[in-house]
């Protein structure tokens, strides 16, 4: 089988690479071309465009780079048309991928599978009509998504969560003792306080200075910044004020494995932190202060911004965003999870609920099997 895959961000690169490996396990002759990243390239196949040339966040950056985005879309359409795959697999990244889905279904009449649903359960529910028209099958990674889509009369498959897979694989293959990690990275013996400030430069520029200011009140802990894929230390230097704060790249799981607590920008990182059972404060800068909190309460369809709380259906971790994203609030919450044993234990018990709800590893394998079954049935029946 021939597959064209589109992943527009670092997380999509990771999850798509694992899916490619799983597809190859069932079909050694599987061929891939893709928009993605280095991990997908390592899994095998031809990289057409790197996600670093695609990932623009926010209205202004998108408008400024609109000619590039439109050019990338033309390149993607042509690459799919020339490759003539048996199926197109889209990974999250809805602004780009839903347009590709429409083209693939209307112009090429090829099967379209969507792995990792866009977060239309948060907002833009109207996009469901695009999935009905242009996506043959959706594979979801959060247990609450199945009920959400069922209410919209759009059946989906919950396949498990790839972060569960990734953490399980790390623990099996790469986990190492704390002493070894500390020595390898030139750290001290102080307990580690992990800072995960986002994956994009603009996120880091807004989140990291406030995180560092809050963390500076705890000199008995050592701050360690988890460097984002595709960035370098020089991207973090402007916010360190000349301090020798470690910025460690390619070892986020190792950092979490050995951390006592964490300050985390909302996203997949909040879930990964929970899977490592590290108490955390979720903190995310949004321009607009109180207006952001008002808009979230009245115009979004969800009560929380962090995946941990959404999966649990209640507050497990504290979320500080909008008007609540302040150094003093972060410092207060950090003190609570560092030194209040009862508070730490409540959070850890909440994490255990989330871990049970997510289920066992195997998301990539389940998705690969379902795609292979669907293609086999299509080829045999012509549906």
Protein backbone atom coordinates (compact mmCIF):
# COMPACT_ATOMS: atom_id res chain seq x y z
CA UNK A 1 0.00 0.00 0.00
CA UNK A 2 1.04 3.60 -0.62
CA UNK A 3 0.27 6.25 1.99
CA UNK A 4 0.54 10.02 1.89
CA UNK A 5 0.62 11.52 5.39
CA UNK A 6 0.33 15.16 6.44
CA UNK A 7 1.57 16.23 9.89
CA UNK A 8 2.17 19.94 10.45
CA UNK A 9 3.69 20.07 13.93
CA UNK A 10 6.29 18.38 16.14
CA UNK A 11 3.70 16.29 18.00
CA UNK A 12 2.17 15.19 14.70
CA UNK A 13 5.62 14.17 13.47
CA UNK A 14 6.03 11.94 16.54
CA UNK A 15 2.63 10.29 16.34
CA UNK A 16 2.71 9.89 12.56
CA UNK A 17 6.16 8.25 12.73
CA UNK A 18 4.83 5.68 15.19
CA UNK A 19 1.84 5.04 12.95
CA UNK A 20 4.16 4.53 9.97
CA UNK A 21 6.15 1.96 11.92
CA UNK A 22 2.92 0.16 12.86
CA UNK A 23 1.70 0.18 9.24
CA UNK A 24 5.00 -1.34 8.14
CA UNK A 25 4.65 -4.13 10.68
CA UNK A 26 1.52 -5.26 8.84
CA UNK A 27 2.82 -4.45 5.35
CA UNK A 28 6.57 -4.54 4.75
CA UNK A 29 6.04 -3.10 1.27
CA UNK A 30 4.24 0.01 2.55
CA UNK A 31 5.46 3.20 0.86
CA UNK A 32 5.24 6.68 2.35
CA UNK A 33 5.48 10.25 1.20
CA UNK A 34 4.68 12.99 3.64
CA UNK A 35 4.62 16.48 4.98
CA UNK A 36 6.19 15.98 8.40
CA UNK A 37 9.49 15.97 10.22
CA UNK A 38 12.68 14.18 11.13
CA UNK A 39 11.00 11.34 13.02
CA UNK A 40 8.84 10.48 10.03
CA UNK A 41 11.92 10.60 7.80
CA UNK A 42 13.65 8.14 10.15
CA UNK A 43 10.63 5.83 9.88
CA UNK A 44 11.17 5.70 6.12
CA UNK A 45 9.79 7.28 2.98
CA UNK A 46 10.13 10.61 1.21
CA UNK A 47 9.82 13.91 3.06
CA UNK A 48 8.19 16.46 0.76
CA UNK A 49 7.99 19.41 3.18
CA UNK A 50 9.22 19.83 6.77
CA UNK A 51 6.69 21.01 9.36
CA UNK A 52 9.09 23.81 10.37
CA UNK A 53 8.07 25.49 7.11
CA UNK A 54 4.39 25.12 7.96
CA UNK A 55 3.72 25.71 11.66
CA UNK A 56 2.28 29.21 12.02
CA UNK A 57 0.20 29.97 15.09
CA UNK A 58 -2.28 32.80 15.58
CA UNK A 59 -4.16 35.11 13.23
CA UNK A 60 -1.33 37.60 12.58
CA UNK A 61 1.42 35.02 11.80
CA UNK A 62 -0.98 33.17 9.50
CA UNK A 63 -1.84 36.34 7.61
CA UNK A 64 1.81 37.36 7.36
CA UNK A 65 2.75 33.95 5.95
CA UNK A 66 -0.38 33.41 3.85
CA UNK A 67 1.53 33.23 0.51
CA UNK A 68 3.79 30.53 1.99
CA UNK A 69 0.82 28.60 3.38
CA UNK A 70 -0.99 28.70 0.03
CA UNK A 71 2.19 27.62 -1.77
CA UNK A 72 2.60 24.71 0.65
CA UNK A 73 -0.97 23.68 -0.04
CA UNK A 74 -0.36 23.66 -3.79
CA UNK A 75 2.81 21.62 -3.26
CA UNK A 76 0.91 19.15 -1.07
CA UNK A 77 -1.90 18.70 -3.59
CA UNK A 78 0.54 18.11 -6.43
CA UNK A 79 2.61 15.67 -4.35
CA UNK A 80 -0.49 13.61 -3.54
CA UNK A 81 -1.66 13.72 -7.15
CA UNK A 82 1.74 12.60 -8.45
CA UNK A 83 2.19 9.87 -5.84
CA UNK A 84 -1.28 8.37 -6.35
CA UNK A 85 -1.49 6.79 -2.88
CA UNK A 86 -3.96 4.16 -1.78
CA UNK A 87 -4.94 6.41 1.12
CA UNK A 88 -4.22 9.82 2.63
CA UNK A 89 -3.72 10.02 6.39
CA UNK A 90 -4.10 13.42 8.05
CA UNK A 91 -2.74 14.09 11.54
CA UNK A 92 -4.45 16.92 13.51
CA UNK A 93 -3.45 20.36 12.04
CA UNK A 94 -7.01 21.18 10.90
CA UNK A 95 -6.60 24.53 9.16
CA UNK A 96 -4.40 22.93 6.53
CA UNK A 97 -5.56 19.33 6.62
CA UNK A 98 -9.28 19.89 6.18
CA UNK A 99 -8.59 21.72 2.93
CA UNK A 100 -6.40 18.83 1.81
CA UNK A 101 -9.17 16.39 2.76
CA UNK A 102 -11.66 18.28 0.61
CA UNK A 103 -9.28 18.21 -2.36
CA UNK A 104 -8.46 14.52 -1.98
CA UNK A 105 -12.12 13.47 -1.79
CA UNK A 106 -13.53 15.76 -4.46
CA UNK A 107 -10.70 15.82 -7.02
CA UNK A 108 -9.00 12.44 -6.49
CA UNK A 109 -11.71 10.30 -4.84
CA UNK A 110 -9.17 8.68 -2.52
CA UNK A 111 -9.81 7.37 1.02
CA UNK A 112 -9.08 9.94 3.73
CA UNK A 113 -8.34 8.86 7.29
CA UNK A 114 -7.90 11.33 10.13
CA UNK A 115 -5.65 10.36 13.04
CA UNK A 116 -5.93 12.60 16.11
CA UNK A 117 -9.07 14.66 15.83
CA UNK A 118 -8.84 18.45 15.71
CA UNK A 119 -10.22 19.89 18.92
CA UNK A 120 -13.63 20.81 17.57
CA UNK A 121 -15.02 19.76 20.95
CA UNK A 122 -13.46 22.98 22.27
CA UNK A 123 -14.78 25.28 19.55
CA UNK A 124 -15.59 25.37 15.83
CA UNK A 125 -18.07 22.52 16.19
CA UNK A 126 -19.40 23.52 12.77
CA UNK A 127 -16.37 21.78 11.25
CA UNK A 128 -18.16 18.47 11.77
CA UNK A 129 -19.84 18.94 8.39
CA UNK A 130 -16.40 18.91 6.75
CA UNK A 131 -15.58 15.59 8.39
CA UNK A 132 -18.88 14.10 7.26
CA UNK A 133 -18.20 15.13 3.67
CA UNK A 134 -14.49 14.56 3.28
CA UNK A 135 -13.17 12.11 5.93
CA UNK A 136 -13.87 8.39 5.63
CA UNK A 137 -12.91 7.52 9.18
CA UNK A 138 -11.74 9.32 12.30
CA UNK A 139 -9.38 7.81 14.90
CA UNK A 140 -9.56 9.64 18.22
CA UNK A 141 -7.07 9.62 21.09
CA UNK A 142 -9.14 10.90 24.02
CA UNK A 143 -11.90 8.79 25.57
CA UNK A 144 -14.33 11.72 25.92
CA UNK A 145 -14.23 12.35 22.14
CA UNK A 146 -16.28 9.26 21.36
CA UNK A 147 -19.29 10.58 23.30
CA UNK A 148 -18.85 14.06 21.85
CA UNK A 149 -18.92 12.87 18.24
CA UNK A 150 -21.73 10.44 18.99
CA UNK A 151 -23.92 13.41 19.96
CA UNK A 152 -23.14 14.88 16.53
CA UNK A 153 -24.10 11.60 14.85
CA UNK A 154 -20.59 11.02 13.56
CA UNK A 155 -19.14 7.63 14.60
CA UNK A 156 -15.45 7.56 15.47
CA UNK A 157 -12.96 5.04 16.84
CA UNK A 158 -11.18 5.59 20.14
CA UNK A 159 -7.83 3.87 19.60
CA UNK A 160 -6.01 4.80 22.81
CA UNK A 161 -3.57 7.62 23.36
CA UNK A 162 -0.16 7.83 21.65
CA UNK A 163 1.34 9.62 24.65
CA UNK A 164 0.61 6.48 26.67
CA UNK A 165 2.50 4.51 24.02
CA UNK A 166 5.41 6.93 23.98
CA UNK A 167 5.82 6.98 27.74
CA UNK A 168 5.57 3.18 27.94
CA UNK A 169 8.21 2.82 25.21
CA UNK A 170 10.50 5.28 26.97
CA UNK A 171 10.23 3.42 30.26
CA UNK A 172 10.96 0.13 28.55
CA UNK A 173 13.87 1.27 26.38
CA UNK A 174 15.38 4.55 27.56
CA UNK A 175 14.65 5.06 31.24
CA UNK A 176 17.74 5.54 33.36
CA UNK A 177 18.60 6.29 36.97
CA UNK A 178 18.50 9.81 38.36
CA UNK A 179 22.21 9.86 39.18
CA UNK A 180 23.08 9.01 35.59
CA UNK A 181 20.74 11.71 34.23
CA UNK A 182 22.10 14.34 36.61
CA UNK A 183 25.74 13.58 35.76
CA UNK A 184 25.13 13.43 32.02
CA UNK A 185 23.57 16.90 32.02
CA UNK A 186 25.83 18.60 34.56
CA UNK A 187 23.04 19.16 37.08
CA UNK A 188 23.22 19.54 40.84
CA UNK A 189 21.65 17.20 43.38
CA UNK A 190 18.81 19.63 44.15
CA UNK A 191 15.29 18.42 43.35
CA UNK A 192 14.34 19.30 39.78
CA UNK A 193 11.64 21.78 38.84
CA UNK A 194 10.75 21.24 35.17
CA UNK A 195 9.69 24.16 32.97
CA UNK A 196 7.81 23.23 29.79
CA UNK A 197 7.05 26.60 28.25
CA UNK A 198 5.66 25.55 24.87
CA UNK A 199 6.89 24.40 21.49
CA UNK A 200 6.90 27.67 19.54
CA UNK A 201 9.11 30.73 19.92
CA UNK A 202 6.19 33.08 20.53
CA UNK A 203 4.77 30.82 23.25
CA UNK A 204 8.13 30.58 24.98
CA UNK A 205 8.63 34.33 24.82
CA UNK A 206 5.36 34.94 26.67
CA UNK A 207 5.36 32.01 29.10
CA UNK A 208 8.96 31.41 30.12
CA UNK A 209 9.82 34.79 31.75
CA UNK A 210 6.85 34.53 34.12
CA UNK A 211 7.57 30.87 34.85
CA UNK A 212 11.19 31.70 35.70
CA UNK A 213 10.15 34.60 37.93
CA UNK A 214 7.79 32.33 39.88
CA UNK A 215 10.35 29.52 40.13
CA UNK A 216 13.04 31.89 41.44
CA UNK A 217 11.23 31.92 44.79
CA UNK A 218 12.25 28.29 45.35
CA UNK A 219 16.05 28.25 45.52
CA UNK A 220 15.98 24.78 47.11
CA UNK A 221 14.91 23.45 43.70
CA UNK A 222 16.85 23.46 40.44
CA UNK A 223 15.06 24.77 37.35
CA UNK A 224 15.49 22.75 34.17
CA UNK A 225 13.95 23.93 30.89
CA UNK A 226 12.79 21.26 28.45
CA UNK A 227 13.97 22.52 25.06
CA UNK A 228 11.40 22.27 22.27
CA UNK A 229 12.11 20.28 19.09
CA UNK A 230 13.49 22.42 16.30
CA UNK A 231 14.74 25.17 18.63
CA UNK A 232 18.17 25.90 20.09
CA UNK A 233 19.52 27.35 23.31
CA UNK A 234 19.87 30.74 21.64
CA UNK A 235 16.07 30.83 21.33
CA UNK A 236 15.87 30.72 25.14
CA UNK A 237 18.82 32.98 26.00
CA UNK A 238 16.90 36.30 25.86
CA UNK A 239 14.72 35.14 28.77
CA UNK A 240 17.42 33.73 31.06
CA UNK A 241 18.89 37.09 32.10
CA UNK A 242 22.41 35.73 31.90
CA UNK A 243 21.70 32.90 34.36
CA UNK A 244 23.15 29.46 33.71
CA UNK A 245 19.78 27.72 33.70
CA UNK A 246 20.00 24.33 31.96
CA UNK A 247 18.07 24.02 28.70
CA UNK A 248 18.03 20.33 27.81
CA UNK A 249 16.92 19.19 24.36
CA UNK A 250 15.63 15.80 23.32
CA UNK A 251 15.17 14.59 26.90
CA UNK A 252 11.76 15.87 27.96
CA UNK A 253 10.68 12.47 29.26
CA UNK A 254 13.90 12.06 31.22
CA UNK A 255 13.39 15.51 32.73
CA UNK A 256 9.85 14.63 33.78
CA UNK A 257 10.90 11.22 35.07
CA UNK A 258 13.25 12.86 37.57
CA UNK A 259 11.33 16.05 38.41
CA UNK A 260 9.69 16.90 41.71
CA UNK A 261 7.19 19.31 40.13
CA UNK A 262 6.57 21.14 36.86
CA UNK A 263 5.24 24.35 35.35
CA UNK A 264 3.61 23.37 32.08
CA UNK A 265 2.08 25.22 29.16
CA UNK A 266 -1.23 23.63 28.26
CA UNK A 267 -1.19 20.97 25.57
CA UNK A 268 0.05 17.42 25.23
CA UNK A 269 2.77 18.27 27.75
CA UNK A 270 0.21 18.46 30.55
CA UNK A 271 -0.89 14.91 29.81
CA UNK A 272 2.70 13.63 29.54
CA UNK A 273 3.48 15.25 32.90
CA UNK A 274 0.52 13.43 34.42
CA UNK A 275 1.63 10.10 32.92
CA UNK A 276 4.95 10.56 34.73
CA UNK A 277 2.95 11.46 37.88
CA UNK A 278 4.70 14.81 38.32
CA UNK A 279 2.59 17.42 40.18
CA UNK A 280 2.12 20.44 37.93
CA UNK A 281 0.71 23.91 37.52
CA UNK A 282 -0.73 24.60 34.08
CA UNK A 283 0.10 28.17 33.06
CA UNK A 284 -0.46 29.77 29.69
CA UNK A 285 -0.24 33.38 28.55
CA UNK A 286 -3.12 34.69 26.46
CA UNK A 287 -3.34 38.26 25.34
CA UNK A 288 -6.46 39.95 26.72
CA UNK A 289 -6.47 39.17 30.44
CA UNK A 290 -10.01 39.02 31.87
CA UNK A 291 -11.52 39.14 28.39
CA UNK A 292 -9.90 35.78 27.62
CA UNK A 293 -11.48 34.17 30.68
CA UNK A 294 -14.87 35.66 29.76
CA UNK A 295 -14.62 34.38 26.19
CA UNK A 296 -13.55 30.94 27.39
CA UNK A 297 -16.46 30.65 29.83
CA UNK A 298 -19.11 31.86 27.40
CA UNK A 299 -18.00 30.81 23.93
CA UNK A 300 -16.06 27.57 24.34
CA UNK A 301 -17.74 24.21 24.75
CA UNK A 302 -15.38 22.87 27.42
CA UNK A 303 -14.83 23.70 31.10
CA UNK A 304 -11.03 23.27 31.11
CA UNK A 305 -8.02 23.94 28.89
CA UNK A 306 -5.77 21.11 30.10
CA UNK A 307 -6.12 17.57 28.82
CA UNK A 308 -5.69 16.20 32.32
CA UNK A 309 -8.82 17.95 33.59
CA UNK A 310 -10.79 17.27 30.40
CA UNK A 311 -10.14 13.53 30.59
CA UNK A 312 -10.94 13.42 34.31
CA UNK A 313 -14.04 15.57 33.90
CA UNK A 314 -13.02 17.60 36.94
CA UNK A 315 -10.18 19.80 38.16
CA UNK A 316 -7.08 17.74 38.90
CA UNK A 317 -4.48 20.40 38.08
CA UNK A 318 -4.79 24.15 38.52
CA UNK A 319 -5.08 26.15 35.30
CA UNK A 320 -3.75 29.70 35.31
CA UNK A 321 -4.42 31.54 32.06
CA UNK A 322 -5.75 34.88 30.96
CA UNK A 323 -6.13 37.17 33.97
CA UNK A 324 -4.87 34.41 36.28
CA UNK A 325 -1.54 34.08 34.50
CA UNK A 326 0.44 36.05 37.07
CA UNK A 327 3.73 35.38 38.80
CA UNK A 328 2.13 35.56 42.26
CA UNK A 329 -0.58 33.03 41.40
CA UNK A 330 1.89 30.62 39.83
CA UNK A 331 4.20 30.96 42.82
CA UNK A 332 1.36 30.22 45.24
CA UNK A 333 0.21 27.12 43.36
CA UNK A 334 3.77 25.91 42.97
CA UNK A 335 4.33 26.21 46.70
CA UNK A 336 1.21 24.12 47.29
CA UNK A 337 2.33 21.23 45.11
CA UNK A 338 5.94 21.35 46.34
CA UNK A 339 5.36 21.39 50.08
CA UNK A 340 1.77 20.35 50.80
CA UNK A 341 1.74 16.55 50.98
CA UNK A 342 -2.06 16.32 50.99
CA UNK A 343 -2.28 18.50 47.87
CA UNK A 344 0.37 16.47 46.07
CA UNK A 345 -1.33 13.20 46.93
CA UNK A 346 -4.74 14.42 45.73
CA UNK A 347 -3.20 15.35 42.40
CA UNK A 348 -1.43 12.01 42.09
CA UNK A 349 -4.68 10.13 42.80
CA UNK A 350 -6.33 12.22 40.10
CA UNK A 351 -3.55 11.29 37.71
CA UNK A 352 -4.25 7.63 38.40
CA UNK A 353 -7.90 8.16 37.34
CA UNK A 354 -6.72 9.71 34.08
CA UNK A 355 -4.26 6.90 33.41
CA UNK A 356 -6.98 4.28 33.90
CA UNK A 357 -9.35 6.16 31.59
CA UNK A 358 -6.76 6.29 28.80
CA UNK A 359 -6.28 2.54 28.77
CA UNK A 360 -3.37 0.40 27.67
CA UNK A 361 -0.66 1.27 25.11
CA UNK A 362 -1.17 0.38 21.46
CA UNK A 363 -2.82 3.40 19.78
CA UNK A 364 -0.58 3.27 16.71
CA UNK A 365 -1.06 -0.48 16.25
CA UNK A 366 -4.84 -0.25 16.63
CA UNK A 367 -5.04 2.62 14.14
CA UNK A 368 -2.82 0.81 11.63
CA UNK A 369 -4.95 -2.33 11.89
CA UNK A 370 -8.19 -0.40 11.38
CA UNK A 371 -6.80 1.44 8.35
CA UNK A 372 -5.53 -1.81 6.83
CA UNK A 373 -8.92 -3.47 7.43
CA UNK A 374 -10.77 -0.55 5.85
CA UNK A 375 -8.54 -0.54 2.77
CA UNK A 376 -8.79 -4.32 2.42
CA UNK A 377 -12.58 -4.14 2.59
CA UNK A 378 -12.65 -1.27 0.08
CA UNK A 379 -10.42 -3.14 -2.38
CA UNK A 380 -12.51 -6.29 -2.08
CA UNK A 381 -15.94 -4.68 -2.29
CA UNK A 382 -15.23 -1.50 -4.25
CA UNK A 383 -16.92 0.62 -1.55
